[in-house]
């Protein structure tokens, strides 16, 4: 095979790939147009919700118990988020979001960690928890920057909630593999 034939086959292959990509682009554009032309987006209808209070086990109740929709229609991933964010302002800038995250690490995370290790019967010393919190604090600016780069148009409160959820998830994941340090 001479060099001319290899170039010709390569160019033909590239042309075929470009045609396939163009077909895919056309299909996707058609789907986008169809979705945009829908006058009424599909709705979710919830007809009946039943609460079974006999299945609720409450050992200690402090503050208020809210059953049903979250206040102000906020998007919270866990019931603990409802109480930890109740009386806080919403961050307006990334600097405020970082400040609120630092405050969250001081005021809410230690209590959340204590509840988690108690509920899952994990032995973790206070020093170990403090080191974890200090390590997470160091990572906050980078995590805020990561989420900002991932979604530049996101409001600071969205970034705050994403990082807050990530913190809780990461701590829980760490504790699931942690075998306890026995110090108290």
Protein backbone atom coordinates (compact mmCIF):
# COMPACT_ATOMS: atom_id res chain seq x y z
CA UNK A 1 0.00 0.00 0.00
CA UNK A 2 1.45 3.34 -0.91
CA UNK A 3 1.28 6.47 1.22
CA UNK A 4 -1.36 8.04 -1.00
CA UNK A 5 -3.82 5.21 -0.27
CA UNK A 6 -3.25 5.35 3.49
CA UNK A 7 -3.95 9.11 3.51
CA UNK A 8 -7.00 8.62 1.37
CA UNK A 9 -8.39 5.91 3.69
CA UNK A 10 -7.66 8.07 6.74
CA UNK A 11 -9.45 11.05 5.19
CA UNK A 12 -12.39 8.81 4.27
CA UNK A 13 -12.53 7.51 7.83
CA UNK A 14 -12.54 11.07 9.20
CA UNK A 15 -15.29 12.06 6.80
CA UNK A 16 -17.41 9.10 7.95
CA UNK A 17 -16.90 10.08 11.58
CA UNK A 18 -17.84 13.67 10.84
CA UNK A 19 -21.02 12.51 9.10
CA UNK A 20 -21.96 10.37 12.11
CA UNK A 21 -21.32 13.26 14.48
CA UNK A 22 -23.37 15.60 12.31
CA UNK A 23 -26.27 13.10 12.36
CA UNK A 24 -26.03 12.92 16.15
CA UNK A 25 -25.96 16.72 16.44
CA UNK A 26 -29.06 16.93 14.23
CA UNK A 27 -30.87 14.33 16.36
CA UNK A 28 -29.98 16.15 19.57
CA UNK A 29 -31.05 19.49 18.12
CA UNK A 30 -34.37 17.92 17.10
CA UNK A 31 -34.89 16.60 20.66
CA UNK A 32 -34.04 20.00 22.13
CA UNK A 33 -36.54 21.65 19.80
CA UNK A 34 -39.21 19.12 20.79
CA UNK A 35 -38.57 19.68 24.49
CA UNK A 36 -38.69 23.44 24.11
CA UNK A 37 -41.92 23.28 22.12
CA UNK A 38 -43.78 21.50 24.92
CA UNK A 39 -46.16 24.10 26.33
CA UNK A 40 -46.82 22.45 29.67
CA UNK A 41 -43.97 20.52 31.29
CA UNK A 42 -44.99 17.26 32.95
CA UNK A 43 -46.10 17.66 36.56
CA UNK A 44 -45.76 15.38 39.51
CA UNK A 45 -48.99 14.93 41.44
CA UNK A 46 -48.93 13.50 44.94
CA UNK A 47 -52.44 12.53 45.89
CA UNK A 48 -52.16 11.12 49.40
CA UNK A 49 -49.46 10.97 52.04
CA UNK A 50 -49.91 8.91 55.17
CA UNK A 51 -47.80 9.37 58.27
CA UNK A 52 -47.42 6.42 60.57
CA UNK A 53 -46.62 8.04 63.90
CA UNK A 54 -46.51 4.73 65.75
CA UNK A 55 -43.28 3.97 63.84
CA UNK A 56 -41.57 7.16 65.03
CA UNK A 57 -39.17 6.66 67.91
CA UNK A 58 -38.17 9.84 69.71
CA UNK A 59 -35.92 9.52 72.74
CA UNK A 60 -35.09 13.18 73.28
CA UNK A 61 -36.95 16.08 71.73
CA UNK A 62 -35.42 19.52 71.86
CA UNK A 63 -36.69 22.46 69.88
CA UNK A 64 -39.46 21.95 67.38
CA UNK A 65 -40.48 18.94 65.36
CA UNK A 66 -41.62 19.83 61.86
CA UNK A 67 -43.37 17.17 59.85
CA UNK A 68 -44.25 17.90 56.26
CA UNK A 69 -42.85 20.47 53.90
CA UNK A 70 -39.69 22.28 54.83
CA UNK A 71 -40.02 25.96 55.69
CA UNK A 72 -39.64 28.37 52.78
CA UNK A 73 -39.66 25.41 50.37
CA UNK A 74 -35.93 24.90 50.92
CA UNK A 75 -34.13 21.97 49.36
CA UNK A 76 -32.63 20.03 52.28
CA UNK A 77 -31.12 16.59 51.94
CA UNK A 78 -31.47 15.46 55.58
CA UNK A 79 -33.67 16.41 58.49
CA UNK A 80 -30.55 17.54 60.39
CA UNK A 81 -30.02 20.22 57.73
CA UNK A 82 -33.40 21.70 58.65
CA UNK A 83 -32.36 22.47 62.21
CA UNK A 84 -28.74 23.39 61.56
CA UNK A 85 -29.74 26.09 59.04
CA UNK A 86 -32.86 27.45 60.73
CA UNK A 87 -31.63 30.80 62.01
CA UNK A 88 -28.82 31.51 59.58
CA UNK A 89 -28.61 34.10 56.88
CA UNK A 90 -28.22 33.05 53.28
CA UNK A 91 -24.75 33.82 51.89
CA UNK A 92 -24.77 36.42 49.09
CA UNK A 93 -21.14 36.18 47.94
CA UNK A 94 -18.50 33.47 47.77
CA UNK A 95 -16.64 35.17 50.63
CA UNK A 96 -19.80 35.03 52.72
CA UNK A 97 -20.32 31.39 51.72
CA UNK A 98 -16.79 30.58 52.90
CA UNK A 99 -17.42 32.47 56.15
CA UNK A 100 -20.68 30.56 56.71
CA UNK A 101 -18.92 27.27 55.95
CA UNK A 102 -16.25 28.10 58.55
CA UNK A 103 -19.01 28.96 61.02
CA UNK A 104 -20.82 25.72 60.13
CA UNK A 105 -17.62 23.77 60.87
CA UNK A 106 -17.46 25.39 64.33
CA UNK A 107 -21.11 25.37 65.36
CA UNK A 108 -22.79 22.41 63.66
CA UNK A 109 -20.27 19.78 62.56
CA UNK A 110 -18.97 18.81 66.04
CA UNK A 111 -22.52 18.14 67.27
CA UNK A 112 -23.40 16.30 64.08
CA UNK A 113 -20.26 14.14 64.44
CA UNK A 114 -21.09 13.38 68.09
CA UNK A 115 -24.61 12.28 67.16
CA UNK A 116 -23.34 10.17 64.28
CA UNK A 117 -20.68 8.31 66.29
CA UNK A 118 -23.12 7.81 69.17
CA UNK A 119 -25.87 6.49 66.88
CA UNK A 120 -23.44 4.14 65.08
CA UNK A 121 -21.56 3.13 68.26
CA UNK A 122 -18.14 4.25 66.98
CA UNK A 123 -15.33 5.11 69.39
CA UNK A 124 -13.65 8.35 68.23
CA UNK A 125 -11.59 10.57 70.48
CA UNK A 126 -12.26 14.29 70.68
CA UNK A 127 -8.71 14.93 69.42
CA UNK A 128 -9.39 12.80 66.35
CA UNK A 129 -12.62 14.72 65.64
CA UNK A 130 -10.79 18.04 66.04
CA UNK A 131 -8.09 16.92 63.58
CA UNK A 132 -10.79 15.91 61.09
CA UNK A 133 -12.52 19.30 61.42
CA UNK A 134 -9.20 21.14 61.03
CA UNK A 135 -8.40 19.10 57.91
CA UNK A 136 -11.82 19.83 56.40
CA UNK A 137 -11.46 23.55 57.20
CA UNK A 138 -8.22 23.67 55.19
CA UNK A 139 -10.02 22.23 52.17
CA UNK A 140 -13.00 24.62 52.18
CA UNK A 141 -11.53 27.34 49.90
CA UNK A 142 -10.52 24.74 47.29
CA UNK A 143 -13.92 23.02 47.45
CA UNK A 144 -15.70 26.37 47.04
CA UNK A 145 -13.49 27.15 44.04
CA UNK A 146 -14.11 23.65 42.60
CA UNK A 147 -17.90 24.05 42.80
CA UNK A 148 -17.68 27.63 41.46
CA UNK A 149 -15.67 26.41 38.44
CA UNK A 150 -18.08 23.52 37.94
CA UNK A 151 -21.10 25.84 37.93
CA UNK A 152 -20.08 29.52 37.51
CA UNK A 153 -23.69 30.74 37.49
CA UNK A 154 -24.66 29.03 40.78
CA UNK A 155 -25.65 31.38 43.61
CA UNK A 156 -23.41 31.22 46.72
CA UNK A 157 -26.14 29.59 48.82
CA UNK A 158 -26.25 26.67 46.37
CA UNK A 159 -22.48 26.24 46.66
CA UNK A 160 -22.78 26.46 50.46
CA UNK A 161 -25.40 23.68 50.51
CA UNK A 162 -23.40 21.50 48.09
CA UNK A 163 -20.28 21.73 50.24
CA UNK A 164 -22.29 21.25 53.42
CA UNK A 165 -23.80 18.05 52.00
CA UNK A 166 -20.36 16.92 50.81
CA UNK A 167 -18.91 17.46 54.29
CA UNK A 168 -21.59 15.35 55.96
CA UNK A 169 -21.34 12.64 53.31
CA UNK A 170 -17.53 12.52 53.55
CA UNK A 171 -17.52 12.34 57.34
CA UNK A 172 -20.16 9.60 57.32
CA UNK A 173 -18.22 7.68 54.66
CA UNK A 174 -15.02 8.00 56.71
CA UNK A 175 -16.75 6.79 59.87
CA UNK A 176 -18.21 3.78 58.02
CA UNK A 177 -14.67 2.48 57.38
CA UNK A 178 -13.22 3.73 60.70
CA UNK A 179 -12.76 1.03 63.30
CA UNK A 180 -12.45 3.36 66.28
CA UNK A 181 -9.38 4.64 68.06
CA UNK A 182 -10.39 3.65 71.60
CA UNK A 183 -9.22 6.98 73.10
CA UNK A 184 -11.77 9.13 74.91
